[in-house]
Protein backbone atom coordinates (compact mmCIF):
# COMPACT_ATOMS: atom_id res chain seq x y z
CA MET A 1 -12.88 -6.43 7.04
CA ASN A 2 -12.71 -8.81 4.12
CA ASP A 3 -12.74 -12.51 5.31
CA PHE A 4 -10.24 -13.39 2.71
CA ILE A 5 -7.79 -10.73 3.84
CA LYS A 6 -8.07 -11.73 7.51
CA SER A 7 -7.70 -15.35 6.55
CA PHE A 8 -4.43 -14.54 4.80
CA TRP A 9 -2.97 -12.84 7.90
CA GLU A 10 -4.04 -15.50 10.17
CA ASN A 11 -2.24 -18.00 8.00
CA GLN A 12 0.92 -15.82 7.71
CA ALA A 13 1.05 -15.86 11.45
CA LEU A 14 0.89 -19.56 11.75
CA LYS A 15 3.27 -20.05 9.04
CA TYR A 16 6.02 -17.51 10.28
CA GLY A 17 5.27 -17.34 13.89
CA GLN A 18 7.58 -14.83 15.69
CA SER A 19 9.67 -13.87 12.72
CA HIS A 20 9.40 -10.50 10.97
CA ILE A 21 8.40 -12.52 7.84
CA ALA A 22 4.86 -12.91 9.30
CA SER A 23 4.41 -9.27 8.30
CA TRP A 24 6.72 -9.01 5.41
CA GLY A 25 9.80 -10.67 4.19
CA ASP A 26 11.58 -7.43 3.28
CA ILE A 27 13.62 -6.85 6.37
CA TYR A 28 15.47 -3.92 4.88
CA CYS A 29 12.28 -1.97 4.16
CA ILE A 30 10.96 -2.87 7.56
CA ASN A 31 14.04 -1.34 9.24
CA LEU A 32 13.55 1.80 7.04
CA GLU A 33 9.96 1.98 8.36
CA ILE A 34 11.05 1.57 11.94
CA ASP A 35 13.74 4.27 11.76
CA ASN A 36 11.44 6.83 10.04
CA ILE A 37 8.70 6.28 12.37
CA ALA A 38 11.01 6.47 15.40
CA ASN A 39 11.91 10.00 14.34
CA TYR A 40 8.45 11.13 15.44
CA ILE A 41 8.41 9.25 18.85
CA HIS A 42 9.79 11.14 21.87
CA GLN A 43 11.00 9.95 25.31
CA GLY A 44 8.14 9.10 27.59
CA ASP A 45 5.43 8.88 24.95
CA SER A 46 2.45 6.51 25.23
CA VAL A 47 2.29 4.90 21.74
CA LEU A 48 -0.30 2.76 19.84
CA ASP A 49 0.91 0.54 17.08
CA ILE A 50 -2.08 -0.38 14.97
CA GLY A 51 -1.81 -3.53 13.00
CA CYS A 52 1.28 -4.57 15.01
CA ALA A 53 1.38 -8.16 13.56
CA ASN A 54 3.52 -10.34 15.86
CA GLY A 55 5.00 -7.20 17.63
CA PHE A 56 8.36 -7.08 15.85
CA SER A 57 8.29 -3.54 15.00
CA ALA A 58 6.55 -2.29 18.36
CA ILE A 59 9.44 -4.11 20.40
CA ALA A 60 11.91 -2.54 18.11
CA GLN A 61 10.53 0.85 18.90
CA CYS A 62 10.76 0.28 22.49
CA GLY A 63 14.54 -0.28 22.07
CA LYS A 64 14.94 3.16 20.42
CA LYS A 65 13.21 5.40 22.98
CA LYS A 66 12.20 5.00 26.85
CA LEU A 67 8.48 4.96 26.44
CA SER A 68 5.72 5.18 29.09
CA SER A 69 3.73 2.56 27.16
CA MET A 70 3.59 0.56 23.95
CA THR A 71 0.20 -0.79 23.06
CA GLY A 72 -0.16 -3.00 19.87
CA VAL A 73 -3.33 -4.22 18.47
CA ASP A 74 -4.07 -6.36 15.36
CA PHE A 75 -7.30 -7.96 13.90
CA SER A 76 -5.59 -11.36 13.63
CA GLU A 77 -5.90 -13.43 16.75
CA ASN A 78 -2.90 -15.57 15.67
CA MET A 79 -0.60 -12.59 15.19
CA ILE A 80 -1.48 -11.26 18.61
CA ALA A 81 -0.76 -14.84 20.17
CA TYR A 82 2.81 -14.55 18.78
CA ALA A 83 3.15 -10.99 19.76
CA ASN A 84 2.61 -11.99 23.25
CA GLN A 85 5.25 -14.59 22.94
CA ASN A 86 7.73 -12.00 21.53
CA LYS A 87 6.78 -9.81 24.53
CA GLN A 88 7.72 -12.49 27.08
CA GLU A 89 11.06 -12.82 25.42
CA SER A 90 11.71 -9.07 25.27
CA ASN A 91 13.13 -6.58 27.82
CA TYR A 92 9.96 -4.47 27.75
CA ARG A 93 7.43 -6.70 29.25
CA ASP A 94 6.38 -3.82 31.78
CA ILE A 95 5.35 -1.34 29.09
CA LEU A 96 4.11 -3.60 26.32
CA ASN A 97 0.53 -4.70 25.86
CA PHE A 98 -0.83 -6.64 22.90
CA SER A 99 -4.53 -7.38 22.04
CA VAL A 100 -6.83 -8.00 19.18
CA ALA A 101 -8.64 -4.88 17.89
CA ASP A 102 -10.10 -3.58 14.56
CA ILE A 103 -8.63 -0.22 13.20
CA CYS A 104 -12.13 0.77 12.27
CA ASN A 105 -13.48 0.32 15.71
CA LEU A 106 -10.63 0.99 18.26
CA PRO A 107 -11.46 0.11 21.90
CA PHE A 108 -9.89 3.22 23.29
CA GLU A 109 -11.15 6.58 24.66
CA ASP A 110 -10.66 9.78 22.78
CA ASN A 111 -7.39 11.45 23.40
CA THR A 112 -5.45 8.49 24.83
CA PHE A 113 -2.10 8.23 23.06
CA ASP A 114 0.77 10.75 22.33
CA VAL A 115 1.65 8.80 19.11
CA VAL A 116 -0.37 6.43 16.89
CA TYR A 117 1.07 4.74 13.89
CA THR A 118 0.19 2.28 11.08
CA THR A 119 2.54 0.35 8.98
CA ARG A 120 0.99 -1.22 5.85
CA VAL A 121 -2.42 -1.58 7.70
CA LEU A 122 -4.71 0.80 5.87
CA ILE A 123 -3.87 -0.96 2.70
CA ASN A 124 -5.56 -3.99 4.03
CA LEU A 125 -9.07 -2.23 3.97
CA PRO A 126 -10.69 -2.91 0.82
CA SER A 127 -12.08 0.55 -0.05
CA TRP A 128 -11.20 4.24 0.39
CA GLU A 129 -14.32 4.64 2.41
CA GLU A 130 -13.11 2.08 4.89
CA GLN A 131 -9.61 3.54 4.87
CA LYS A 132 -11.04 6.98 5.91
CA THR A 133 -12.89 5.33 8.52
CA GLY A 134 -9.62 3.72 9.82
CA ILE A 135 -7.79 7.25 9.56
CA SER A 136 -10.64 8.80 11.58
CA GLU A 137 -10.32 6.16 14.34
CA CYS A 138 -6.61 6.67 14.44
CA LEU A 139 -7.03 10.51 14.80
CA ARG A 140 -9.75 10.14 17.40
CA VAL A 141 -7.66 8.37 19.86
CA ILE A 142 -4.66 10.74 19.80
CA LYS A 143 -4.21 13.49 22.41
CA LYS A 144 -4.38 17.18 21.20
CA GLY A 145 -0.89 17.93 20.11
CA GLY A 146 0.06 14.39 19.48
CA ARG A 147 1.13 12.72 16.14
CA PHE A 148 -0.43 10.18 13.79
CA ILE A 149 2.38 8.53 11.73
CA LEU A 150 0.74 6.77 8.61
CA CYS A 151 3.16 4.71 6.90
CA GLU A 152 1.63 2.80 4.03
CA GLY A 153 1.88 1.76 0.40
CA PHE A 154 0.90 4.44 -2.31
CA TRP A 155 -0.38 4.07 -5.77
CA GLU A 156 1.42 6.97 -7.44
CA PRO A 157 4.89 5.78 -6.80
CA LEU A 158 4.05 2.31 -7.84
CA CYS A 159 2.95 3.88 -11.23
CA ARG A 160 6.18 5.91 -11.38
CA LEU A 161 8.29 2.80 -10.61
CA ASN A 162 6.47 0.73 -13.14
CA ALA A 163 7.34 3.33 -15.78
CA ILE A 164 10.95 2.76 -15.00
CA ARG A 165 10.56 -1.02 -15.11
CA LEU A 166 8.75 -0.57 -18.43
CA LEU A 167 11.66 1.32 -19.94
CA ALA A 168 13.98 -1.40 -18.63
CA GLY A 169 11.89 -4.11 -20.27
CA LEU A 170 10.58 -5.46 -17.01
CA SER A 171 7.03 -6.53 -16.23
CA PRO A 172 4.98 -4.26 -13.87
CA LEU A 173 4.74 -4.75 -10.17
CA VAL A 174 0.92 -5.21 -9.08
CA GLU A 175 -0.75 -4.89 -5.77
CA HIS A 176 -1.32 -8.19 -3.98
CA ASP A 177 -4.83 -9.46 -3.68
CA PHE A 178 -4.86 -8.39 0.13
CA ASN A 179 -3.62 -4.88 -0.75
CA ARG A 180 -5.41 -1.65 -1.82
CA TYR A 181 -2.72 1.14 -2.07
CA LEU A 182 -3.71 4.60 -0.89
CA LYS A 183 -3.66 7.24 -3.40
CA LYS A 184 -1.57 10.18 -2.16
CA VAL A 185 -3.83 12.81 -3.90
CA MET A 186 -6.97 11.56 -2.13
CA LEU A 187 -5.35 11.17 1.26
CA GLU A 188 -3.75 14.83 1.15
CA SER A 189 -7.13 16.22 -0.06
CA TYR A 190 -8.97 14.37 2.81
CA LEU A 191 -6.43 15.60 5.55
CA THR A 192 -6.71 19.08 4.11
CA SER A 193 -10.42 19.04 4.24
CA LEU A 194 -10.18 18.12 8.02
CA GLU A 195 -7.68 20.93 8.39
CA TYR A 196 -4.77 18.80 9.64
CA SER A 197 -1.30 19.73 8.85
CA PHE A 198 1.05 17.02 7.62
CA ASP A 199 4.44 16.29 6.16
CA ASN A 200 5.22 13.48 3.61
CA VAL A 201 8.44 11.64 3.84
CA ASP A 202 9.73 9.71 0.90
CA PHE A 203 12.08 7.40 2.81
CA SER A 204 12.30 4.41 0.38
CA SER A 205 12.83 5.79 -3.29
CA ILE A 206 16.42 4.69 -3.65
CA TYR A 207 15.89 1.25 -1.95
CA TYR A 208 12.86 0.51 -4.33
CA LEU A 209 14.93 1.57 -7.39
CA GLY A 210 17.77 -0.80 -6.25
CA SER A 211 15.60 -3.76 -5.08
CA ARG A 212 12.79 -3.68 -7.61
CA VAL A 213 14.65 -2.45 -10.65
CA PHE A 214 18.48 -2.55 -10.76
CA ARG A 215 18.57 -5.81 -9.02
CA GLU A 216 16.75 -7.54 -11.86
CA LEU A 217 19.03 -6.08 -14.37
CA VAL A 218 22.34 -7.50 -13.18
CA THR A 219 23.87 -10.37 -15.29
CA ASP A 220 23.39 -13.09 -12.59
CA TYR A 221 19.94 -11.98 -11.45
CA GLU A 222 19.10 -15.62 -10.21
CA SER A 223 21.82 -15.40 -7.56
CA TYR A 224 20.12 -12.38 -5.91
CA GLU A 225 16.53 -13.49 -5.66
CA GLY A 226 14.42 -12.79 -2.55
CA PHE A 227 14.77 -9.69 -0.25
CA SER A 228 17.86 -10.56 1.83
CA ASN A 229 20.45 -10.38 -0.79
CA PRO A 230 23.72 -8.25 -1.11
CA ILE A 231 22.09 -5.82 -3.78
CA ASN A 232 19.21 -5.07 -1.56
CA GLU A 233 21.72 -4.51 1.38
CA GLU A 234 23.80 -2.16 -0.63
CA PHE A 235 20.84 0.02 -1.65
CA PHE A 236 19.42 -0.14 1.89
CA LYS A 237 22.81 1.35 3.07
CA ILE A 238 22.67 4.14 0.45
CA GLN A 239 18.98 4.77 1.45
CA SER A 240 20.07 5.43 4.93
CA HIS A 241 21.89 8.58 3.57
CA TYR A 242 19.88 9.78 0.62
CA SER A 243 16.22 9.80 -0.63
CA GLY A 244 13.81 11.36 -3.07
CA GLY A 245 12.50 10.71 -6.52
CA GLY A 246 9.00 9.73 -5.82
CA PHE A 247 9.69 5.87 -6.48
CA GLY A 248 9.17 4.59 -2.98
CA ILE A 249 6.01 2.89 -2.64
CA GLN A 250 6.24 2.90 1.22
CA GLN A 251 5.98 6.45 2.44
CA LEU A 252 5.21 8.17 5.56
CA TYR A 253 2.74 10.93 6.44
CA ALA A 254 3.33 12.64 9.87
CA ILE A 255 0.01 14.21 11.01
CA GLU A 256 -0.19 16.67 13.81
CA LYS A 257 -3.46 16.82 15.80
């Protein structure tokens, strides 16, 4: 793991503590992620959240289904410290466990969990080879018949979104220094080569069009800066009912083992 990337997330944890902002400021997209991952989690499942940050999403999943266990791991010691604080303040202390671990070398036996999911975690690995190692580790610890939910940022929809921004006279969006978006074509080819079946869910296109394009075109744009603004909220509500278009940078792959 790149030292710069790890340092960035350690500092995010110290800066934002138990808040969702430690992971990402976009609470609407975080909620879309949580809701769509939850569609693949069943009552009584044992679940592993890899890259759990301060536990915000893991605890939210515990509130959606009655799970046998929820394990969260992150490579940031500071994130795990705050995750354990959030655990103590939650109603799920008996099933939650947070610890430090690396996605490329998970400290679990083969075939341990019913569901494993990542949320904006693989994009922190600096190369496709390392991302494949992370994917392989995730698949290894899932029980046969279990599910790997890969919820990450993707390159192709970023390009599509930037094409719309160009037409609208807006500057292109770029990857952060600590991100390397996955390429859908490479991921799908890799999964196919391993003979895994998968579904792709584009759950954020309308939200991205609204929050990353139309919001910047309104007359009084300065009044709607940041993530938590009324325009983003309206497109989040629409996204809850409709999707499609291939513009959502955040997408989900549901992989069956």
